PDB file of N, CA and C in Angstrom:
ATOM      1  N   MET A   1      -7.694 -10.376 -32.603  1.00  0.00           N
ATOM      2  CA  MET A   1      -8.633  -9.610 -33.644  1.00  0.00           C
ATOM      3  C   MET A   1      -8.682  -7.803 -33.774  1.00  0.00           C
ATOM      4  N   PHE A   2      -8.599  -7.075 -34.754  1.00  0.00           N
ATOM      5  CA  PHE A   2      -8.346  -5.607 -34.796  1.00  0.00           C
ATOM      6  C   PHE A   2      -9.131  -4.968 -35.578  1.00  0.00           C
ATOM      7  N   VAL A   3      -9.699  -3.433 -34.720  1.00  0.00           N
ATOM      8  CA  VAL A   3     -10.615  -2.866 -35.398  1.00  0.00           C
ATOM      9  C   VAL A   3      -9.082  -1.489 -35.413  1.00  0.00           C
ATOM     10  N   ILE A   4      -9.324  -1.168 -37.159  1.00  0.00           N
ATOM     11  CA  ILE A   4      -8.482  -0.508 -37.467  1.00  0.00           C
ATOM     12  C   ILE A   4      -9.408   1.253 -38.059  1.00  0.00           C
ATOM     13  N   LEU A   5      -8.969   1.867 -37.324  1.00  0.00           N
ATOM     14  CA  LEU A   5      -9.847   3.397 -37.431  1.00  0.00           C
ATOM     15  C   LEU A   5      -8.787   4.192 -38.362  1.00  0.00           C
ATOM     16  N   LEU A   6      -9.341   4.532 -39.348  1.00  0.00           N
ATOM     17  CA  LEU A   6      -8.639   5.408 -40.634  1.00  0.00           C
ATOM     18  C   LEU A   6      -9.239   7.157 -40.308  1.00  0.00           C
ATOM     19  N   ASN A   7      -8.565   7.800 -40.151  1.00  0.00           N
ATOM     20  CA  ASN A   7      -9.280   9.227 -39.986  1.00  0.00           C
ATOM     21  C   ASN A   7      -8.666  10.438 -40.898  1.00  0.00           C
ATOM     22  N   TYR A   8      -9.164  10.530 -41.791  1.00  0.00           N
ATOM     23  CA  TYR A   8      -8.922  11.532 -43.023  1.00  0.00           C
ATOM     24  C   TYR A   8      -7.923  12.690 -42.558  1.00  0.00           C
ATOM     25  N   ILE A   9      -6.678  12.748 -42.855  1.00  0.00           N
ATOM     26  CA  ILE A   9      -5.958  14.464 -42.822  1.00  0.00           C
ATOM     27  C   ILE A   9      -5.876  15.142 -43.578  1.00  0.00           C
ATOM     28  N   LYS A  10      -6.402  14.862 -45.035  1.00  0.00           N
ATOM     29  CA  LYS A  10      -6.399  15.317 -46.003  1.00  0.00           C
ATOM     30  C   LYS A  10      -7.575  15.548 -46.572  1.00  0.00           C
ATOM     31  N   THR A  11      -8.100  16.458 -48.279  1.00  0.00           N
ATOM     32  CA  THR A  11      -8.768  16.303 -48.422  1.00  0.00           C
ATOM     33  C   THR A  11      -9.857  15.415 -48.981  1.00  0.00           C
ATOM     34  N   LEU A  12     -11.043  15.366 -49.237  1.00  0.00           N
ATOM     35  CA  LEU A  12     -11.483  14.353 -49.578  1.00  0.00           C
ATOM     36  C   LEU A  12     -11.085  14.344 -51.189  1.00  0.00           C
ATOM     37  N   GLU A  13     -10.884  15.226 -51.791  1.00  0.00           N
ATOM     38  CA  GLU A  13     -10.232  15.013 -53.009  1.00  0.00           C
ATOM     39  C   GLU A  13      -8.988  14.311 -53.235  1.00  0.00           C
ATOM     40  N   GLU A  14      -8.481  14.478 -52.099  1.00  0.00           N
ATOM     41  CA  GLU A  14      -6.896  14.031 -52.379  1.00  0.00           C
ATOM     42  C   GLU A  14      -7.307  12.392 -52.244  1.00  0.00           C
ATOM     43  N   VAL A  15      -8.506  12.128 -51.140  1.00  0.00           N
ATOM     44  CA  VAL A  15      -8.512  10.901 -50.580  1.00  0.00           C
ATOM     45  C   VAL A  15      -9.140   9.850 -52.114  1.00  0.00           C
ATOM     46  N   GLU A  16     -10.043  10.907 -52.799  1.00  0.00           N
ATOM     47  CA  GLU A  16     -10.349  10.089 -54.163  1.00  0.00           C
ATOM     48  C   GLU A  16      -9.027   9.887 -54.869  1.00  0.00           C
ATOM     49  N   LYS A  17      -8.123  10.446 -55.150  1.00  0.00           N
ATOM     50  CA  LYS A  17      -7.075  10.231 -55.985  1.00  0.00           C
ATOM     51  C   LYS A  17      -6.295   9.408 -55.606  1.00  0.00           C
ATOM     52  N   GLU A  18      -6.228   8.795 -54.560  1.00  0.00           N
ATOM     53  CA  GLU A  18      -5.702   7.395 -53.968  1.00  0.00           C
ATOM     54  C   GLU A  18      -6.627   6.180 -53.934  1.00  0.00           C
ATOM     55  N   LEU A  19      -7.738   6.606 -54.035  1.00  0.00           N
ATOM     56  CA  LEU A  19      -9.128   5.554 -53.706  1.00  0.00           C
ATOM     57  C   LEU A  19      -8.407   4.384 -54.773  1.00  0.00           C
ATOM     58  N   GLU A  20      -8.355   3.975 -55.737  1.00  0.00           N
ATOM     59  CA  GLU A  20      -8.305   2.707 -56.467  1.00  0.00           C
ATOM     60  C   GLU A  20      -7.129   2.389 -55.528  1.00  0.00           C
ATOM     61  N   PRO A  21      -5.717   2.538 -55.599  1.00  0.00           N
ATOM     62  CA  PRO A  21      -4.460   2.265 -54.935  1.00  0.00           C
ATOM     63  C   PRO A  21      -5.296   1.473 -53.764  1.00  0.00           C
ATOM     64  N   HIS A  22      -5.718   2.236 -52.688  1.00  0.00           N
ATOM     65  CA  HIS A  22      -5.967   2.002 -51.788  1.00  0.00           C
ATOM     66  C   HIS A  22      -7.102   0.381 -51.833  1.00  0.00           C
ATOM     67  N   ARG A  23      -8.089   0.717 -52.576  1.00  0.00           N
ATOM     68  CA  ARG A  23      -8.687  -0.431 -53.060  1.00  0.00           C
ATOM     69  C   ARG A  23      -8.295  -1.800 -53.068  1.00  0.00           C
ATOM     70  N   ALA A  24      -6.748  -1.630 -53.955  1.00  0.00           N
ATOM     71  CA  ALA A  24      -5.603  -2.892 -54.614  1.00  0.00           C
ATOM     72  C   ALA A  24      -5.022  -2.953 -53.099  1.00  0.00           C
ATOM     73  N   TYR A  25      -4.803  -2.655 -52.415  1.00  0.00           N
ATOM     74  CA  TYR A  25      -4.573  -2.649 -50.786  1.00  0.00           C
ATOM     75  C   TYR A  25      -5.261  -3.675 -49.947  1.00  0.00           C
ATOM     76  N   LEU A  26      -6.523  -2.920 -50.109  1.00  0.00           N
ATOM     77  CA  LEU A  26      -7.697  -3.647 -49.243  1.00  0.00           C
ATOM     78  C   LEU A  26      -7.655  -5.359 -49.878  1.00  0.00           C
ATOM     79  N   ASN A  27      -7.814  -5.710 -51.598  1.00  0.00           N
ATOM     80  CA  ASN A  27      -8.194  -6.936 -51.861  1.00  0.00           C
ATOM     81  C   ASN A  27      -6.854  -7.847 -51.427  1.00  0.00           C
ATOM     82  N   LYS A  28      -5.750  -7.141 -51.532  1.00  0.00           N
ATOM     83  CA  LYS A  28      -4.449  -7.724 -51.289  1.00  0.00           C
ATOM     84  C   LYS A  28      -4.997  -8.521 -49.933  1.00  0.00           C
ATOM     85  N   TYR A  29      -5.091  -7.951 -48.697  1.00  0.00           N
ATOM     86  CA  TYR A  29      -5.033  -7.887 -47.689  1.00  0.00           C
ATOM     87  C   TYR A  29      -6.366  -9.341 -47.648  1.00  0.00           C
ATOM     88  N   TYR A  30      -7.593  -8.840 -48.231  1.00  0.00           N
ATOM     89  CA  TYR A  30      -8.968  -9.830 -48.445  1.00  0.00           C
ATOM     90  C   TYR A  30      -8.465 -11.308 -48.658  1.00  0.00           C
ATOM     91  N   SER A  31      -7.620 -11.263 -49.748  1.00  0.00           N
ATOM     92  CA  SER A  31      -7.198 -12.415 -50.307  1.00  0.00           C
ATOM     93  C   SER A  31      -6.575 -13.227 -49.414  1.00  0.00           C
ATOM     94  N   LEU A  32      -5.793 -12.561 -48.561  1.00  0.00           N
ATOM     95  CA  LEU A  32      -4.747 -13.613 -47.732  1.00  0.00           C
ATOM     96  C   LEU A  32      -5.747 -13.321 -46.249  1.00  0.00           C
ATOM     97  N   GLN A  33      -6.714 -13.083 -46.612  1.00  0.00           N
ATOM     98  CA  GLN A  33      -7.596 -13.251 -45.662  1.00  0.00           C
ATOM     99  C   GLN A  33      -7.137 -12.644 -43.973  1.00  0.00           C
ATOM    100  N   LYS A  34      -6.877 -11.679 -44.070  1.00  0.00           N
ATOM    101  CA  LYS A  34      -6.429 -10.906 -43.245  1.00  0.00           C
ATOM    102  C   LYS A  34      -7.499  -9.936 -42.731  1.00  0.00           C
ATOM    103  N   PHE A  35      -8.456  -9.269 -43.562  1.00  0.00           N
ATOM    104  CA  PHE A  35      -9.354  -7.907 -43.480  1.00  0.00           C
ATOM    105  C   PHE A  35     -10.705  -9.163 -43.887  1.00  0.00           C
ATOM    106  N   ILE A  36     -11.293  -8.809 -42.568  1.00  0.00           N
ATOM    107  CA  ILE A  36     -12.458  -9.393 -42.481  1.00  0.00           C
ATOM    108  C   ILE A  36     -13.794  -8.831 -43.335  1.00  0.00           C
ATOM    109  N   CYS A  37     -13.773  -7.174 -42.893  1.00  0.00           N
ATOM    110  CA  CYS A  37     -14.797  -6.549 -43.925  1.00  0.00           C
ATOM    111  C   CYS A  37     -13.832  -4.881 -43.257  1.00  0.00           C
ATOM    112  N   SER A  38     -15.037  -4.009 -44.175  1.00  0.00           N
ATOM    113  CA  SER A  38     -14.212  -2.557 -44.466  1.00  0.00           C
ATOM    114  C   SER A  38     -14.862  -1.577 -45.050  1.00  0.00           C
ATOM    115  N   GLY A  39     -15.093  -0.481 -44.645  1.00  0.00           N
ATOM    116  CA  GLY A  39     -16.100   0.558 -45.130  1.00  0.00           C
ATOM    117  C   GLY A  39     -15.457   1.942 -44.440  1.00  0.00           C
ATOM    118  N   ARG A  40     -16.269   2.915 -45.203  1.00  0.00           N
ATOM    119  CA  ARG A  40     -16.202   4.339 -44.909  1.00  0.00           C
ATOM    120  C   ARG A  40     -16.976   4.579 -43.506  1.00  0.00           C
ATOM    121  N   GLN A  41     -16.324   5.751 -42.960  1.00  0.00           N
ATOM    122  CA  GLN A  41     -16.968   6.130 -42.066  1.00  0.00           C
ATOM    123  C   GLN A  41     -18.362   6.936 -42.335  1.00  0.00           C
ATOM    124  N   ASN A  42     -19.283   6.909 -41.625  1.00  0.00           N
ATOM    125  CA  ASN A  42     -20.446   8.090 -41.806  1.00  0.00           C
ATOM    126  C   ASN A  42     -20.935   8.983 -41.076  1.00  0.00           C
ATOM    127  N   PRO A  43     -20.074  10.310 -40.857  1.00  0.00           N
ATOM    128  CA  PRO A  43     -19.970  11.244 -41.702  1.00  0.00           C
ATOM    129  C   PRO A  43     -18.093  10.591 -42.371  1.00  0.00           C
ATOM    130  N   ARG A  44     -18.293  10.929 -43.756  1.00  0.00           N
ATOM    131  CA  ARG A  44     -17.192  10.248 -44.572  1.00  0.00           C
ATOM    132  C   ARG A  44     -15.600  10.928 -44.210  1.00  0.00           C
ATOM    133  N   VAL A  45     -15.245  10.769 -42.848  1.00  0.00           N
ATOM    134  CA  VAL A  45     -14.239  11.493 -42.173  1.00  0.00           C
ATOM    135  C   VAL A  45     -12.927  10.342 -42.025  1.00  0.00           C
ATOM    136  N   GLY A  46     -13.299   8.987 -42.784  1.00  0.00           N
ATOM    137  CA  GLY A  46     -12.010   7.937 -42.670  1.00  0.00           C
ATOM    138  C   GLY A  46     -13.111   6.807 -42.599  1.00  0.00           C
ATOM    139  N   GLY A  47     -11.971   5.502 -42.730  1.00  0.00           N
ATOM    140  CA  GLY A  47     -12.811   4.472 -42.763  1.00  0.00           C
ATOM    141  C   GLY A  47     -12.827   3.116 -41.585  1.00  0.00           C
ATOM    142  N   VAL A  48     -13.120   2.235 -41.685  1.00  0.00           N
ATOM    143  CA  VAL A  48     -13.177   1.022 -40.448  1.00  0.00           C
ATOM    144  C   VAL A  48     -12.418   0.048 -41.571  1.00  0.00           C
ATOM    145  N   ILE A  49     -11.840  -0.797 -40.835  1.00  0.00           N
ATOM    146  CA  ILE A  49     -11.083  -2.168 -41.303  1.00  0.00           C
ATOM    147  C   ILE A  49     -11.188  -3.423 -40.206  1.00  0.00           C
ATOM    148  N   LEU A  50     -12.022  -4.248 -40.353  1.00  0.00           N
ATOM    149  CA  LEU A  50     -11.665  -5.322 -39.388  1.00  0.00           C
ATOM    150  C   LEU A  50     -10.445  -6.348 -39.514  1.00  0.00           C
ATOM    151  N   CYS A  51      -9.668  -6.482 -38.928  1.00  0.00           N
ATOM    152  CA  CYS A  51      -8.485  -7.263 -39.053  1.00  0.00           C
ATOM    153  C   CYS A  51      -8.320  -8.836 -38.394  1.00  0.00           C
ATOM    154  N   ASN A  52      -7.927  -9.449 -38.655  1.00  0.00           N
ATOM    155  CA  ASN A  52      -7.793 -10.847 -38.280  1.00  0.00           C
ATOM    156  C   ASN A  52      -6.087 -10.935 -38.274  1.00  0.00           C
ATOM    157  N   ALA A  53      -5.373 -10.388 -37.559  1.00  0.00           N
ATOM    158  CA  ALA A  53      -3.919 -10.522 -37.579  1.00  0.00           C
ATOM    159  C   ALA A  53      -2.977 -11.593 -36.462  1.00  0.00           C
ATOM    160  N   GLU A  54      -2.143 -11.899 -35.861  1.00  0.00           N
ATOM    161  CA  GLU A  54      -1.824 -12.675 -35.223  1.00  0.00           C
ATOM    162  C   GLU A  54      -1.225 -11.648 -34.053  1.00  0.00           C
ATOM    163  N   ASN A  55      -0.903 -10.197 -34.453  1.00  0.00           N
ATOM    164  CA  ASN A  55      -0.475  -9.696 -33.417  1.00  0.00           C
ATOM    165  C   ASN A  55      -0.755  -8.235 -33.812  1.00  0.00           C
ATOM    166  N   ARG A  56      -0.260  -7.352 -32.869  1.00  0.00           N
ATOM    167  CA  ARG A  56      -0.189  -5.816 -33.118  1.00  0.00           C
ATOM    168  C   ARG A  56       0.607  -5.258 -34.331  1.00  0.00           C
ATOM    169  N   GLU A  57       2.096  -5.721 -34.245  1.00  0.00           N
ATOM    170  CA  GLU A  57       3.036  -5.984 -34.838  1.00  0.00           C
ATOM    171  C   GLU A  57       2.918  -5.784 -36.497  1.00  0.00           C
ATOM    172  N   GLU A  58       2.283  -7.211 -36.473  1.00  0.00           N
ATOM    173  CA  GLU A  58       1.534  -7.263 -37.790  1.00  0.00           C
ATOM    174  C   GLU A  58       0.208  -6.858 -38.203  1.00  0.00           C
ATOM    175  N   VAL A  59      -0.275  -5.991 -37.564  1.00  0.00           N
ATOM    176  CA  VAL A  59      -1.457  -4.773 -38.444  1.00  0.00           C
ATOM    177  C   VAL A  59      -0.235  -3.607 -38.551  1.00  0.00           C
ATOM    178  N   GLU A  60       0.547  -3.234 -37.772  1.00  0.00           N
ATOM    179  CA  GLU A  60       1.212  -2.316 -37.894  1.00  0.00           C
ATOM    180  C   GLU A  60       2.028  -2.407 -39.282  1.00  0.00           C
ATOM    181  N   THR A  61       2.833  -3.357 -39.565  1.00  0.00           N
ATOM    182  CA  THR A  61       3.227  -3.902 -41.119  1.00  0.00           C
ATOM    183  C   THR A  61       2.391  -3.852 -42.010  1.00  0.00           C
ATOM    184  N   ILE A  62       1.120  -4.460 -41.659  1.00  0.00           N
ATOM    185  CA  ILE A  62      -0.247  -4.047 -43.223  1.00  0.00           C
ATOM    186  C   ILE A  62      -0.524  -3.021 -43.197  1.00  0.00           C
ATOM    187  N   ILE A  63      -0.606  -1.999 -42.137  1.00  0.00           N
ATOM    188  CA  ILE A  63      -0.922  -0.532 -42.439  1.00  0.00           C
ATOM    189  C   ILE A  63       0.145   0.224 -42.911  1.00  0.00           C
ATOM    190  N   GLN A  64       1.270  -0.426 -43.185  1.00  0.00           N
ATOM    191  CA  GLN A  64       2.469   0.391 -43.583  1.00  0.00           C
ATOM    192  C   GLN A  64       2.271   0.181 -45.428  1.00  0.00           C
ATOM    193  N   GLU A  65       1.725  -0.602 -45.443  1.00  0.00           N
ATOM    194  CA  GLU A  65       1.439  -0.590 -46.848  1.00  0.00           C
ATOM    195  C   GLU A  65       0.482  -0.082 -47.491  1.00  0.00           C
ATOM    196  N   ASP A  66      -0.833   0.426 -46.887  1.00  0.00           N
ATOM    197  CA  ASP A  66      -1.546   1.154 -47.355  1.00  0.00           C
ATOM    198  C   ASP A  66      -1.028   2.403 -48.526  1.00  0.00           C
ATOM    199  N   PRO A  67      -1.841   2.774 -49.258  1.00  0.00           N
ATOM    200  CA  PRO A  67      -1.305   4.074 -49.958  1.00  0.00           C
ATOM    201  C   PRO A  67      -2.263   5.321 -49.400  1.00  0.00           C
ATOM    202  N   PHE A  68      -2.871   5.283 -48.641  1.00  0.00           N
ATOM    203  CA  PHE A  68      -3.427   6.451 -47.487  1.00  0.00           C
ATOM    204  C   PHE A  68      -2.448   6.886 -46.295  1.00  0.00           C
ATOM    205  N   TYR A  69      -1.722   5.590 -46.142  1.00  0.00           N
ATOM    206  CA  TYR A  69      -0.383   5.984 -45.042  1.00  0.00           C
ATOM    207  C   TYR A  69       0.615   6.111 -45.697  1.00  0.00           C
ATOM    208  N   SER A  70       1.332   5.779 -46.778  1.00  0.00           N
ATOM    209  CA  SER A  70       2.317   6.368 -47.017  1.00  0.00           C
ATOM    210  C   SER A  70       2.157   7.624 -47.573  1.00  0.00           C
ATOM    211  N   LYS A  71       1.267   8.233 -48.392  1.00  0.00           N
ATOM    212  CA  LYS A  71       0.793   9.413 -49.132  1.00  0.00           C
ATOM    213  C   LYS A  71       0.570  10.554 -47.830  1.00  0.00           C
ATOM    214  N   ASN A  72       0.475   9.994 -46.321  1.00  0.00           N
ATOM    215  CA  ASN A  72       0.007  10.618 -45.358  1.00  0.00           C
ATOM    216  C   ASN A  72      -1.372  11.500 -45.578  1.00  0.00           C
ATOM    217  N   ILE A  73      -2.428  10.411 -46.413  1.00  0.00           N
ATOM    218  CA  ILE A  73      -3.714  11.387 -46.284  1.00  0.00           C
ATOM    219  C   ILE A  73      -4.400  10.714 -45.160  1.00  0.00           C
ATOM    220  N   ALA A  74      -4.401   9.479 -44.137  1.00  0.00           N
ATOM    221  CA  ALA A  74      -4.673   9.135 -42.977  1.00  0.00           C
ATOM    222  C   ALA A  74      -4.277   8.744 -41.742  1.00  0.00           C
ATOM    223  N   THR A  75      -4.717   8.915 -40.667  1.00  0.00           N
ATOM    224  CA  THR A  75      -4.121   9.029 -39.218  1.00  0.00           C
ATOM    225  C   THR A  75      -4.477   7.455 -39.120  1.00  0.00           C
ATOM    226  N   TYR A  76      -4.164   6.391 -38.460  1.00  0.00           N
ATOM    227  CA  TYR A  76      -4.558   5.216 -37.776  1.00  0.00           C
ATOM    228  C   TYR A  76      -4.810   4.782 -36.535  1.00  0.00           C
ATOM    229  N   GLU A  77      -5.898   4.265 -35.626  1.00  0.00           N
ATOM    230  CA  GLU A  77      -5.870   3.952 -34.357  1.00  0.00           C
ATOM    231  C   GLU A  77      -6.076   2.213 -34.324  1.00  0.00           C
ATOM    232  N   ILE A  78      -5.198   1.514 -34.010  1.00  0.00           N
ATOM    233  CA  ILE A  78      -5.590   0.589 -33.715  1.00  0.00           C
ATOM    234  C   ILE A  78      -6.102  -0.058 -32.883  1.00  0.00           C
ATOM    235  N   ILE A  79      -7.205  -0.896 -32.510  1.00  0.00           N
ATOM    236  CA  ILE A  79      -8.011  -1.513 -31.188  1.00  0.00           C
ATOM    237  C   ILE A  79      -7.926  -2.617 -31.137  1.00  0.00           C
ATOM    238  N   GLU A  80      -7.569  -3.736 -30.333  1.00  0.00           N
ATOM    239  CA  GLU A  80      -7.550  -4.883 -30.513  1.00  0.00           C
ATOM    240  C   GLU A  80      -8.391  -5.399 -29.321  1.00  0.00           C
ATOM    241  N   PHE A  81      -9.147  -6.407 -29.867  1.00  0.00           N
ATOM    242  CA  PHE A  81     -10.359  -7.239 -28.986  1.00  0.00           C
ATOM    243  C   PHE A  81     -10.288  -8.518 -29.160  1.00  0.00           C
ATOM    244  N   THR A  82     -10.717  -8.912 -27.760  1.00  0.00           N
ATOM    245  CA  THR A  82     -11.222 -10.816 -28.541  1.00  0.00           C
ATOM    246  C   THR A  82     -12.521 -10.711 -28.310  1.00  0.00           C
ATOM    247  N   PRO A  83     -12.857 -11.339 -29.344  1.00  0.00           N
ATOM    248  CA  PRO A  83     -14.429 -11.487 -29.468  1.00  0.00           C
ATOM    249  C   PRO A  83     -14.925 -12.680 -28.565  1.00  0.00           C
ATOM    250  N   THR A  84     -15.779 -12.357 -27.687  1.00  0.00           N
ATOM    251  CA  THR A  84     -16.393 -13.396 -26.631  1.00  0.00           C
ATOM    252  C   THR A  84     -17.879 -13.882 -27.121  1.00  0.00           C
ATOM    253  N   MET A  85     -18.543 -13.138 -27.696  1.00  0.00           N
ATOM    254  CA  MET A  85     -20.095 -13.154 -28.507  1.00  0.00           C
ATOM    255  C   MET A  85     -20.063 -12.829 -29.794  1.00  0.00           C
ATOM    256  N   HIS A  86     -20.564 -13.710 -30.779  1.00  0.00           N
ATOM    257  CA  HIS A  86     -20.674 -13.564 -32.312  1.00  0.00           C
ATOM    258  C   HIS A  86     -21.832 -13.950 -32.898  1.00  0.00           C
ATOM    259  N   ALA A  87     -22.310 -13.490 -34.180  1.00  0.00           N
ATOM    260  CA  ALA A  87     -23.194 -14.271 -34.575  1.00  0.00           C
ATOM    261  C   ALA A  87     -22.982 -15.285 -34.859  1.00  0.00           C
ATOM    262  N   ASP A  88     -23.860 -16.283 -35.826  1.00  0.00           N
ATOM    263  CA  ASP A  88     -23.599 -17.849 -36.237  1.00  0.00           C
ATOM    264  C   ASP A  88     -22.892 -17.334 -37.378  1.00  0.00           C
ATOM    265  N   GLY A  89     -21.857 -18.317 -37.830  1.00  0.00           N
ATOM    266  CA  GLY A  89     -21.275 -18.054 -39.052  1.00  0.00           C
ATOM    267  C   GLY A  89     -20.127 -17.327 -38.590  1.00  0.00           C
ATOM    268  N   PHE A  90     -20.013 -16.589 -37.668  1.00  0.00           N
ATOM    269  CA  PHE A  90     -18.839 -15.636 -38.005  1.00  0.00           C
ATOM    270  C   PHE A  90     -17.509 -16.050 -37.121  1.00  0.00           C
ATOM    271  N   GLU A  91     -17.532 -17.357 -36.654  1.00  0.00           N
ATOM    272  CA  GLU A  91     -16.678 -18.145 -35.810  1.00  0.00           C
ATOM    273  C   GLU A  91     -15.528 -18.664 -36.892  1.00  0.00           C
ATOM    274  N   LYS A  92     -15.624 -18.542 -37.860  1.00  0.00           N
ATOM    275  CA  LYS A  92     -14.848 -18.845 -39.485  1.00  0.00           C
ATOM    276  C   LYS A  92     -13.788 -17.732 -39.113  1.00  0.00           C
ATOM    277  N   PHE A  93     -14.134 -16.738 -38.901  1.00  0.00           N
ATOM    278  CA  PHE A  93     -13.374 -15.391 -39.074  1.00  0.00           C
ATOM    279  C   PHE A  93     -12.087 -15.489 -37.977  1.00  0.00           C
ATOM    280  N   ILE A  94     -12.729 -15.846 -36.400  1.00  0.00           N
ATOM    281  CA  ILE A  94     -11.847 -16.017 -35.676  1.00  0.00           C
ATOM    282  C   ILE A  94     -10.992 -16.896 -35.506  1.00  0.00           C
ATOM    283  N   SER A  95     -11.111 -18.213 -36.317  1.00  0.00           N
ATOM    284  CA  SER A  95     -10.162 -19.355 -36.129  1.00  0.00           C
ATOM    285  C   SER A  95      -9.592 -19.567 -37.531  1.00  0.00           C
ATOM    286  N   MET A  96      -9.152 -18.013 -38.183  1.00  0.00           N
ATOM    287  CA  MET A  96      -8.375 -18.189 -39.335  1.00  0.00           C
ATOM    288  C   MET A  96      -6.947 -18.023 -39.021  1.00  0.00           C
TER     289      MET A  96
END
């Protein structure tokens, strides 16, 4: 499992211009059951995506489709982790 941290390197005005294409990108990977949850950081300096991918290379490939990546709006940090404890019901995301 991976945490993807996005940090904006452009203004919020530029972020807003690409928000709809970014949401379409997110929806694609939710439908493929790769994304588990996502949202804005507070304060609004970027975003966070919880991703269930096979490996780091898959995550890197997925990221390259994000309009925020192709338009150089955000930088990305990928953190891999192995869930060892979780709330009831979360196991369905681990075994995807």
